[in-house]
mmCIF file of all heavy atoms, coordinates in Angstrom:
data_MODEL
# 
_entry.id   MODEL 
# 
loop_
_atom_site.group_PDB 
_atom_site.id 
_atom_site.type_symbol 
_atom_site.label_atom_id 
_atom_site.label_alt_id 
_atom_site.label_comp_id 
_atom_site.label_asym_id 
_atom_site.label_entity_id 
_atom_site.label_seq_id 
_atom_site.pdbx_PDB_ins_code 
_atom_site.Cartn_x 
_atom_site.Cartn_y 
_atom_site.Cartn_z 
_atom_site.occupancy 
_atom_site.B_iso_or_equiv 
_atom_site.pdbx_formal_charge 
_atom_site.auth_seq_id 
_atom_site.auth_comp_id 
_atom_site.auth_asym_id 
_atom_site.auth_atom_id 
_atom_site.pdbx_PDB_model_num 
ATOM 1   N N   . VAL A 1 1  ? -97.472 37.064 -19.192 1.00 0.00 ? 1  VAL A N   1 
ATOM 2   C CA  . VAL A 1 1  ? -96.040 37.137 -18.895 1.00 0.00 ? 1  VAL A CA  1 
ATOM 3   C C   . VAL A 1 1  ? -95.255 36.205 -19.811 1.00 0.00 ? 1  VAL A C   1 
ATOM 4   O O   . VAL A 1 1  ? -94.198 36.550 -20.355 1.00 0.00 ? 1  VAL A O   1 
ATOM 5   C CB  . VAL A 1 1  ? -95.787 36.804 -17.407 1.00 0.00 ? 1  VAL A CB  1 
ATOM 6   C CG1 . VAL A 1 1  ? -94.290 36.678 -17.142 1.00 0.00 ? 1  VAL A CG1 1 
ATOM 7   C CG2 . VAL A 1 1  ? -96.393 37.869 -16.528 1.00 0.00 ? 1  VAL A CG2 1 
ATOM 8   N N   . ILE A 1 2  ? -95.779 34.984 -20.027 1.00 0.00 ? 2  ILE A N   1 
ATOM 9   C CA  . ILE A 1 2  ? -95.088 34.023 -20.884 1.00 0.00 ? 2  ILE A CA  1 
ATOM 10  C C   . ILE A 1 2  ? -95.017 34.528 -22.317 1.00 0.00 ? 2  ILE A C   1 
ATOM 11  O O   . ILE A 1 2  ? -94.005 34.416 -23.009 1.00 0.00 ? 2  ILE A O   1 
ATOM 12  C CB  . ILE A 1 2  ? -95.790 32.646 -20.816 1.00 0.00 ? 2  ILE A CB  1 
ATOM 13  C CG1 . ILE A 1 2  ? -95.649 32.069 -19.403 1.00 0.00 ? 2  ILE A CG1 1 
ATOM 14  C CG2 . ILE A 1 2  ? -95.217 31.689 -21.851 1.00 0.00 ? 2  ILE A CG2 1 
ATOM 15  C CD1 . ILE A 1 2  ? -96.419 30.770 -19.196 1.00 0.00 ? 2  ILE A CD1 1 
ATOM 16  N N   . VAL A 1 3  ? -96.106 35.112 -22.796 1.00 0.00 ? 3  VAL A N   1 
ATOM 17  C CA  . VAL A 1 3  ? -96.134 35.609 -24.178 1.00 0.00 ? 3  VAL A CA  1 
ATOM 18  C C   . VAL A 1 3  ? -95.115 36.724 -24.371 1.00 0.00 ? 3  VAL A C   1 
ATOM 19  O O   . VAL A 1 3  ? -94.364 36.751 -25.348 1.00 0.00 ? 3  VAL A O   1 
ATOM 20  C CB  . VAL A 1 3  ? -97.556 36.083 -24.545 1.00 0.00 ? 3  VAL A CB  1 
ATOM 21  C CG1 . VAL A 1 3  ? -97.543 36.821 -25.882 1.00 0.00 ? 3  VAL A CG1 1 
ATOM 22  C CG2 . VAL A 1 3  ? -98.498 34.898 -24.608 1.00 0.00 ? 3  VAL A CG2 1 
ATOM 23  N N   . VAL A 1 4  ? -95.076 37.670 -23.431 1.00 0.00 ? 4  VAL A N   1 
ATOM 24  C CA  . VAL A 1 4  ? -94.130 38.795 -23.561 1.00 0.00 ? 4  VAL A CA  1 
ATOM 25  C C   . VAL A 1 4  ? -92.697 38.295 -23.520 1.00 0.00 ? 4  VAL A C   1 
ATOM 26  O O   . VAL A 1 4  ? -91.834 38.714 -24.311 1.00 0.00 ? 4  VAL A O   1 
ATOM 27  C CB  . VAL A 1 4  ? -94.394 39.828 -22.446 1.00 0.00 ? 4  VAL A CB  1 
ATOM 28  C CG1 . VAL A 1 4  ? -93.302 40.906 -22.463 1.00 0.00 ? 4  VAL A CG1 1 
ATOM 29  C CG2 . VAL A 1 4  ? -95.761 40.456 -22.630 1.00 0.00 ? 4  VAL A CG2 1 
ATOM 30  N N   . GLY A 1 5  ? -92.404 37.359 -22.614 1.00 0.00 ? 5  GLY A N   1 
ATOM 31  C CA  . GLY A 1 5  ? -91.044 36.814 -22.547 1.00 0.00 ? 5  GLY A CA  1 
ATOM 32  C C   . GLY A 1 5  ? -90.651 36.072 -23.801 1.00 0.00 ? 5  GLY A C   1 
ATOM 33  O O   . GLY A 1 5  ? -89.517 36.155 -24.267 1.00 0.00 ? 5  GLY A O   1 
ATOM 34  N N   . ALA A 1 6  ? -91.597 35.350 -24.402 1.00 0.00 ? 6  ALA A N   1 
ATOM 35  C CA  . ALA A 1 6  ? -91.281 34.610 -25.627 1.00 0.00 ? 6  ALA A CA  1 
ATOM 36  C C   . ALA A 1 6  ? -90.938 35.552 -26.769 1.00 0.00 ? 6  ALA A C   1 
ATOM 37  O O   . ALA A 1 6  ? -90.020 35.307 -27.555 1.00 0.00 ? 6  ALA A O   1 
ATOM 38  C CB  . ALA A 1 6  ? -92.481 33.725 -26.002 1.00 0.00 ? 6  ALA A CB  1 
ATOM 39  N N   . VAL A 1 7  ? -91.714 36.650 -26.858 1.00 0.00 ? 7  VAL A N   1 
ATOM 40  C CA  . VAL A 1 7  ? -91.441 37.600 -27.936 1.00 0.00 ? 7  VAL A CA  1 
ATOM 41  C C   . VAL A 1 7  ? -90.057 38.209 -27.782 1.00 0.00 ? 7  VAL A C   1 
ATOM 42  O O   . VAL A 1 7  ? -89.310 38.372 -28.744 1.00 0.00 ? 7  VAL A O   1 
ATOM 43  C CB  . VAL A 1 7  ? -92.544 38.684 -27.972 1.00 0.00 ? 7  VAL A CB  1 
ATOM 44  C CG1 . VAL A 1 7  ? -92.171 39.794 -28.951 1.00 0.00 ? 7  VAL A CG1 1 
ATOM 45  C CG2 . VAL A 1 7  ? -93.884 38.059 -28.343 1.00 0.00 ? 7  VAL A CG2 1 
ATOM 46  N N   . ARG A 1 8  ? -89.653 38.574 -26.541 1.00 0.00 ? 8  ARG A N   1 
ATOM 47  C CA  . ARG A 1 8  ? -88.335 39.173 -26.325 1.00 0.00 ? 8  ARG A CA  1 
ATOM 48  C C   . ARG A 1 8  ? -87.218 38.177 -26.626 1.00 0.00 ? 8  ARG A C   1 
ATOM 49  O O   . ARG A 1 8  ? -86.178 38.526 -27.171 1.00 0.00 ? 8  ARG A O   1 
ATOM 50  C CB  . ARG A 1 8  ? -88.219 39.671 -24.885 1.00 0.00 ? 8  ARG A CB  1 
ATOM 51  C CG  . ARG A 1 8  ? -89.197 40.809 -24.584 1.00 0.00 ? 8  ARG A CG  1 
ATOM 52  C CD  . ARG A 1 8  ? -88.911 41.421 -23.244 1.00 0.00 ? 8  ARG A CD  1 
ATOM 53  N NE  . ARG A 1 8  ? -87.586 42.019 -23.229 1.00 0.00 ? 8  ARG A NE  1 
ATOM 54  C CZ  . ARG A 1 8  ? -87.061 42.618 -22.161 1.00 0.00 ? 8  ARG A CZ  1 
ATOM 55  N NH1 . ARG A 1 8  ? -87.752 42.685 -21.043 1.00 0.00 ? 8  ARG A NH1 1 
ATOM 56  N NH2 . ARG A 1 8  ? -85.857 43.138 -22.233 1.00 0.00 ? 8  ARG A NH2 1 
ATOM 57  N N   . LEU A 1 9  ? -87.409 36.910 -26.280 1.00 0.00 ? 9  LEU A N   1 
ATOM 58  C CA  . LEU A 1 9  ? -86.389 35.913 -26.583 1.00 0.00 ? 9  LEU A CA  1 
ATOM 59  C C   . LEU A 1 9  ? -86.265 35.688 -28.079 1.00 0.00 ? 9  LEU A C   1 
ATOM 60  O O   . LEU A 1 9  ? -85.167 35.538 -28.624 1.00 0.00 ? 9  LEU A O   1 
ATOM 61  C CB  . LEU A 1 9  ? -86.722 34.587 -25.889 1.00 0.00 ? 9  LEU A CB  1 
ATOM 62  C CG  . LEU A 1 9  ? -86.591 34.591 -24.364 1.00 0.00 ? 9  LEU A CG  1 
ATOM 63  C CD1 . LEU A 1 9  ? -87.062 33.267 -23.789 1.00 0.00 ? 9  LEU A CD1 1 
ATOM 64  C CD2 . LEU A 1 9  ? -85.132 34.848 -23.972 1.00 0.00 ? 9  LEU A CD2 1 
ATOM 65  N N   . LEU A 1 10 ? -87.396 35.673 -28.780 1.00 0.00 ? 10 LEU A N   1 
ATOM 66  C CA  . LEU A 1 10 ? -87.346 35.482 -30.216 1.00 0.00 ? 10 LEU A CA  1 
ATOM 67  C C   . LEU A 1 10 ? -86.666 36.655 -30.904 1.00 0.00 ? 10 LEU A C   1 
ATOM 68  O O   . LEU A 1 10 ? -85.991 36.498 -31.919 1.00 0.00 ? 10 LEU A O   1 
ATOM 69  C CB  . LEU A 1 10 ? -88.772 35.321 -30.763 1.00 0.00 ? 10 LEU A CB  1 
ATOM 70  C CG  . LEU A 1 10 ? -89.464 33.981 -30.446 1.00 0.00 ? 10 LEU A CG  1 
ATOM 71  C CD1 . LEU A 1 10 ? -90.916 34.042 -30.855 1.00 0.00 ? 10 LEU A CD1 1 
ATOM 72  C CD2 . LEU A 1 10 ? -88.742 32.831 -31.133 1.00 0.00 ? 10 LEU A CD2 1 
ATOM 73  N N   . ALA A 1 11 ? -86.811 37.827 -30.332 1.00 0.00 ? 11 ALA A N   1 
ATOM 74  C CA  . ALA A 1 11 ? -86.197 39.011 -30.959 1.00 0.00 ? 11 ALA A CA  1 
ATOM 75  C C   . ALA A 1 11 ? -84.684 38.938 -30.914 1.00 0.00 ? 11 ALA A C   1 
ATOM 76  O O   . ALA A 1 11 ? -84.005 39.601 -31.688 1.00 0.00 ? 11 ALA A O   1 
ATOM 77  C CB  . ALA A 1 11 ? -86.688 40.277 -30.260 1.00 0.00 ? 11 ALA A CB  1 
ATOM 78  N N   . HIS A 1 12 ? -84.110 38.124 -29.991 1.00 0.00 ? 12 HIS A N   1 
ATOM 79  C CA  . HIS A 1 12 ? -82.661 38.031 -29.873 1.00 0.00 ? 12 HIS A CA  1 
ATOM 80  C C   . HIS A 1 12 ? -82.039 37.079 -30.880 1.00 0.00 ? 12 HIS A C   1 
ATOM 81  O O   . HIS A 1 12 ? -80.837 37.027 -31.046 1.00 0.00 ? 12 HIS A O   1 
ATOM 82  C CB  . HIS A 1 12 ? -82.304 37.557 -28.457 1.00 0.00 ? 12 HIS A CB  1 
ATOM 83  C CG  . HIS A 1 12 ? -80.911 37.934 -28.048 1.00 0.00 ? 12 HIS A CG  1 
ATOM 84  N ND1 . HIS A 1 12 ? -80.551 39.225 -27.724 1.00 0.00 ? 12 HIS A ND1 1 
ATOM 85  C CD2 . HIS A 1 12 ? -79.787 37.185 -27.943 1.00 0.00 ? 12 HIS A CD2 1 
ATOM 86  C CE1 . HIS A 1 12 ? -79.281 39.262 -27.414 1.00 0.00 ? 12 HIS A CE1 1 
ATOM 87  N NE2 . HIS A 1 12 ? -78.780 38.050 -27.540 1.00 0.00 ? 12 HIS A NE2 1 
ATOM 88  N N   . GLU A 1 13 ? -82.895 36.308 -31.574 1.00 0.00 ? 13 GLU A N   1 
ATOM 89  C CA  . GLU A 1 13 ? -82.364 35.327 -32.498 1.00 0.00 ? 13 GLU A CA  1 
ATOM 90  C C   . GLU A 1 13 ? -81.721 36.005 -33.696 1.00 0.00 ? 13 GLU A C   1 
ATOM 91  O O   . GLU A 1 13 ? -82.299 36.902 -34.303 1.00 0.00 ? 13 GLU A O   1 
ATOM 92  C CB  . GLU A 1 13 ? -83.486 34.390 -32.949 1.00 0.00 ? 13 GLU A CB  1 
ATOM 93  C CG  . GLU A 1 13 ? -82.998 33.253 -33.831 1.00 0.00 ? 13 GLU A CG  1 
ATOM 94  C CD  . GLU A 1 13 ? -84.119 32.297 -34.140 1.00 0.00 ? 13 GLU A CD  1 
ATOM 95  O OE1 . GLU A 1 13 ? -85.210 32.445 -33.584 1.00 0.00 ? 13 GLU A OE1 1 
ATOM 96  O OE2 . GLU A 1 13 ? -83.889 31.394 -34.961 1.00 0.00 ? 13 GLU A OE2 1 
ATOM 97  N N   . GLY A 1 14 ? -80.488 35.599 -34.029 1.00 0.00 ? 14 GLY A N   1 
ATOM 98  C CA  . GLY A 1 14 ? -79.792 36.173 -35.168 1.00 0.00 ? 14 GLY A CA  1 
ATOM 99  C C   . GLY A 1 14 ? -79.162 37.519 -34.878 1.00 0.00 ? 14 GLY A C   1 
ATOM 100 O O   . GLY A 1 14 ? -78.627 38.143 -35.775 1.00 0.00 ? 14 GLY A O   1 
ATOM 101 N N   . HIS A 1 15 ? -79.230 37.988 -33.617 1.00 0.00 ? 15 HIS A N   1 
ATOM 102 C CA  . HIS A 1 15 ? -78.700 39.314 -33.271 1.00 0.00 ? 15 HIS A CA  1 
ATOM 103 C C   . HIS A 1 15 ? -77.181 39.256 -33.222 1.00 0.00 ? 15 HIS A C   1 
ATOM 104 O O   . HIS A 1 15 ? -76.609 38.374 -32.593 1.00 0.00 ? 15 HIS A O   1 
ATOM 105 C CB  . HIS A 1 15 ? -79.263 39.705 -31.900 1.00 0.00 ? 15 HIS A CB  1 
ATOM 106 C CG  . HIS A 1 15 ? -79.025 41.143 -31.552 1.00 0.00 ? 15 HIS A CG  1 
ATOM 107 N ND1 . HIS A 1 15 ? -79.317 42.164 -32.387 1.00 0.00 ? 15 HIS A ND1 1 
ATOM 108 C CD2 . HIS A 1 15 ? -78.512 41.687 -30.421 1.00 0.00 ? 15 HIS A CD2 1 
ATOM 109 C CE1 . HIS A 1 15 ? -79.017 43.302 -31.801 1.00 0.00 ? 15 HIS A CE1 1 
ATOM 110 N NE2 . HIS A 1 15 ? -78.512 43.026 -30.597 1.00 0.00 ? 15 HIS A NE2 1 
ATOM 111 N N   . ASP A 1 16 ? -76.487 40.216 -33.851 1.00 0.00 ? 16 ASP A N   1 
ATOM 112 C CA  . ASP A 1 16 ? -75.023 40.132 -33.951 1.00 0.00 ? 16 ASP A CA  1 
ATOM 113 C C   . ASP A 1 16 ? -74.331 41.344 -33.318 1.00 0.00 ? 16 ASP A C   1 
ATOM 114 O O   . ASP A 1 16 ? -73.180 41.603 -33.601 1.00 0.00 ? 16 ASP A O   1 
ATOM 115 C CB  . ASP A 1 16 ? -74.600 40.013 -35.420 1.00 0.00 ? 16 ASP A CB  1 
ATOM 116 C CG  . ASP A 1 16 ? -75.037 41.217 -36.221 1.00 0.00 ? 16 ASP A CG  1 
ATOM 117 O OD1 . ASP A 1 16 ? -75.845 42.024 -35.717 1.00 0.00 ? 16 ASP A OD1 1 
ATOM 118 O OD2 . ASP A 1 16 ? -74.559 41.333 -37.356 1.00 0.00 ? 16 ASP A OD2 1 
ATOM 119 N N   . HIS A 1 17 ? -74.988 42.107 -32.456 1.00 0.00 ? 17 HIS A N   1 
ATOM 120 C CA  . HIS A 1 17 ? -74.403 43.231 -31.735 1.00 0.00 ? 17 HIS A CA  1 
ATOM 121 C C   . HIS A 1 17 ? -73.690 44.194 -32.673 1.00 0.00 ? 17 HIS A C   1 
ATOM 122 O O   . HIS A 1 17 ? -72.466 44.349 -32.617 1.00 0.00 ? 17 HIS A O   1 
ATOM 123 C CB  . HIS A 1 17 ? -73.407 42.719 -30.673 1.00 0.00 ? 17 HIS A CB  1 
ATOM 124 C CG  . HIS A 1 17 ? -74.053 41.806 -29.676 1.00 0.00 ? 17 HIS A CG  1 
ATOM 125 N ND1 . HIS A 1 17 ? -74.886 42.258 -28.692 1.00 0.00 ? 17 HIS A ND1 1 
ATOM 126 C CD2 . HIS A 1 17 ? -73.988 40.447 -29.552 1.00 0.00 ? 17 HIS A CD2 1 
ATOM 127 C CE1 . HIS A 1 17 ? -75.314 41.212 -27.950 1.00 0.00 ? 17 HIS A CE1 1 
ATOM 128 N NE2 . HIS A 1 17 ? -74.791 40.123 -28.458 1.00 0.00 ? 17 HIS A NE2 1 
ATOM 129 N N   . PRO A 1 18 ? -74.404 44.859 -33.548 1.00 0.00 ? 18 PRO A N   1 
ATOM 130 C CA  . PRO A 1 18 ? -73.720 45.742 -34.494 1.00 0.00 ? 18 PRO A CA  1 
ATOM 131 C C   . PRO A 1 18 ? -73.010 46.894 -33.806 1.00 0.00 ? 18 PRO A C   1 
ATOM 132 O O   . PRO A 1 18 ? -71.975 47.353 -34.259 1.00 0.00 ? 18 PRO A O   1 
ATOM 133 C CB  . PRO A 1 18 ? -74.860 46.239 -35.401 1.00 0.00 ? 18 PRO A CB  1 
ATOM 134 C CG  . PRO A 1 18 ? -76.109 46.090 -34.570 1.00 0.00 ? 18 PRO A CG  1 
ATOM 135 C CD  . PRO A 1 18 ? -75.888 44.884 -33.722 1.00 0.00 ? 18 PRO A CD  1 
ATOM 136 N N   . ASP A 1 19 ? -73.535 47.383 -32.664 1.00 0.00 ? 19 ASP A N   1 
ATOM 137 C CA  . ASP A 1 19 ? -72.891 48.501 -31.982 1.00 0.00 ? 19 ASP A CA  1 
ATOM 138 C C   . ASP A 1 19 ? -71.526 48.094 -31.448 1.00 0.00 ? 19 ASP A C   1 
ATOM 139 O O   . ASP A 1 19 ? -70.576 48.874 -31.464 1.00 0.00 ? 19 ASP A O   1 
ATOM 140 C CB  . ASP A 1 19 ? -73.774 49.003 -30.827 1.00 0.00 ? 19 ASP A CB  1 
ATOM 141 C CG  . ASP A 1 19 ? -75.079 49.613 -31.349 1.00 0.00 ? 19 ASP A CG  1 
ATOM 142 O OD1 . ASP A 1 19 ? -75.070 50.040 -32.513 1.00 0.00 ? 19 ASP A OD1 1 
ATOM 143 O OD2 . ASP A 1 19 ? -76.072 49.651 -30.588 1.00 0.00 ? 19 ASP A OD2 1 
ATOM 144 N N   . GLU A 1 20 ? -71.443 46.850 -30.937 1.00 0.00 ? 20 GLU A N   1 
ATOM 145 C CA  . GLU A 1 20 ? -70.152 46.390 -30.440 1.00 0.00 ? 20 GLU A CA  1 
ATOM 146 C C   . GLU A 1 20 ? -69.146 46.282 -31.571 1.00 0.00 ? 20 GLU A C   1 
ATOM 147 O O   . GLU A 1 20 ? -67.964 46.549 -31.415 1.00 0.00 ? 20 GLU A O   1 
ATOM 148 C CB  . GLU A 1 20 ? -70.314 45.050 -29.729 1.00 0.00 ? 20 GLU A CB  1 
ATOM 149 C CG  . GLU A 1 20 ? -71.188 45.150 -28.474 1.00 0.00 ? 20 GLU A CG  1 
ATOM 150 C CD  . GLU A 1 20 ? -71.335 43.805 -27.811 1.00 0.00 ? 20 GLU A CD  1 
ATOM 151 O OE1 . GLU A 1 20 ? -70.648 42.858 -28.267 1.00 0.00 ? 20 GLU A OE1 1 
ATOM 152 O OE2 . GLU A 1 20 ? -72.115 43.672 -26.855 1.00 0.00 ? 20 GLU A OE2 1 
ATOM 153 N N   . ALA A 1 21 ? -69.595 45.833 -32.736 1.00 0.00 ? 21 ALA A N   1 
ATOM 154 C CA  . ALA A 1 21 ? -68.675 45.705 -33.867 1.00 0.00 ? 21 ALA A CA  1 
ATOM 155 C C   . ALA A 1 21 ? -68.117 47.053 -34.275 1.00 0.00 ? 21 ALA A C   1 
ATOM 156 O O   . ALA A 1 21 ? -66.964 47.180 -34.663 1.00 0.00 ? 21 ALA A O   1 
ATOM 157 C CB  . ALA A 1 21 ? -69.394 45.050 -35.049 1.00 0.00 ? 21 ALA A CB  1 
ATOM 158 N N   . LYS A 1 22 ? -68.987 48.088 -34.177 1.00 0.00 ? 22 LYS A N   1 
ATOM 159 C CA  . LYS A 1 22 ? -68.508 49.411 -34.557 1.00 0.00 ? 22 LYS A CA  1 
ATOM 160 C C   . LYS A 1 22 ? -67.419 49.891 -33.612 1.00 0.00 ? 22 LYS A C   1 
ATOM 161 O O   . LYS A 1 22 ? -66.554 50.663 -33.992 1.00 0.00 ? 22 LYS A O   1 
ATOM 162 C CB  . LYS A 1 22 ? -69.674 50.388 -34.561 1.00 0.00 ? 22 LYS A CB  1 
ATOM 163 C CG  . LYS A 1 22 ? -70.697 50.126 -35.662 1.00 0.00 ? 22 LYS A CG  1 
ATOM 164 C CD  . LYS A 1 22 ? -71.821 51.145 -35.602 1.00 0.00 ? 22 LYS A CD  1 
ATOM 165 C CE  . LYS A 1 22 ? -72.867 50.858 -36.682 1.00 0.00 ? 22 LYS A CE  1 
ATOM 166 N NZ  . LYS A 1 22 ? -73.987 51.812 -36.608 1.00 0.00 ? 22 LYS A NZ  1 
ATOM 167 N N   . GLY A 1 23 ? -67.485 49.465 -32.338 1.00 0.00 ? 23 GLY A N   1 
ATOM 168 C CA  . GLY A 1 23 ? -66.499 49.940 -31.379 1.00 0.00 ? 23 GLY A CA  1 
ATOM 169 C C   . GLY A 1 23 ? -65.266 49.080 -31.269 1.00 0.00 ? 23 GLY A C   1 
ATOM 170 O O   . GLY A 1 23 ? -64.377 49.371 -30.481 1.00 0.00 ? 23 GLY A O   1 
ATOM 171 N N   . SER A 1 24 ? -65.163 47.986 -32.014 1.00 0.00 ? 24 SER A N   1 
ATOM 172 C CA  . SER A 1 24 ? -64.007 47.108 -31.923 1.00 0.00 ? 24 SER A CA  1 
ATOM 173 C C   . SER A 1 24 ? -62.787 47.749 -32.558 1.00 0.00 ? 24 SER A C   1 
ATOM 174 O O   . SER A 1 24 ? -62.904 48.526 -33.504 1.00 0.00 ? 24 SER A O   1 
ATOM 175 C CB  . SER A 1 24 ? -64.317 45.771 -32.605 1.00 0.00 ? 24 SER A CB  1 
ATOM 176 O OG  . SER A 1 24 ? -64.483 45.982 -33.989 1.00 0.00 ? 24 SER A OG  1 
ATOM 177 N N   . PRO A 1 25 ? -61.591 47.417 -32.063 1.00 0.00 ? 25 PRO A N   1 
ATOM 178 C CA  . PRO A 1 25 ? -60.389 47.978 -32.660 1.00 0.00 ? 25 PRO A CA  1 
ATOM 179 C C   . PRO A 1 25 ? -60.245 47.656 -34.135 1.00 0.00 ? 25 PRO A C   1 
ATOM 180 O O   . PRO A 1 25 ? -59.693 48.439 -34.899 1.00 0.00 ? 25 PRO A O   1 
ATOM 181 C CB  . PRO A 1 25 ? -59.268 47.356 -31.825 1.00 0.00 ? 25 PRO A CB  1 
ATOM 182 C CG  . PRO A 1 25 ? -59.917 46.993 -30.526 1.00 0.00 ? 25 PRO A CG  1 
ATOM 183 C CD  . PRO A 1 25 ? -61.310 46.618 -30.885 1.00 0.00 ? 25 PRO A CD  1 
ATOM 184 N N   . ALA A 1 26 ? -60.740 46.491 -34.539 1.00 0.00 ? 26 ALA A N   1 
ATOM 185 C CA  . ALA A 1 26 ? -60.595 46.126 -35.943 1.00 0.00 ? 26 ALA A CA  1 
ATOM 186 C C   . ALA A 1 26 ? -61.392 47.040 -36.849 1.00 0.00 ? 26 ALA A C   1 
ATOM 187 O O   . ALA A 1 26 ? -61.061 47.208 -38.016 1.00 0.00 ? 26 ALA A O   1 
ATOM 188 C CB  . ALA A 1 26 ? -61.048 44.679 -36.148 1.00 0.00 ? 26 ALA A CB  1 
ATOM 189 N N   . ALA A 1 27 ? -62.480 47.643 -36.287 1.00 0.00 ? 27 ALA A N   1 
ATOM 190 C CA  . ALA A 1 27 ? -63.299 48.509 -37.117 1.00 0.00 ? 27 ALA A CA  1 
ATOM 191 C C   . ALA A 1 27 ? -62.776 49.930 -37.165 1.00 0.00 ? 27 ALA A C   1 
ATOM 192 O O   . ALA A 1 27 ? -63.335 50.771 -37.841 1.00 0.00 ? 27 ALA A O   1 
ATOM 193 C CB  . ALA A 1 27 ? -64.736 48.510 -36.580 1.00 0.00 ? 27 ALA A CB  1 
# 
């Protein structure tokens, strides 16, 4: 359980929500 949780947390590092940026009014 600890290993799986660590991998998922590491995957979030540097994530910038590209889908949200596409839906912003500025885009």
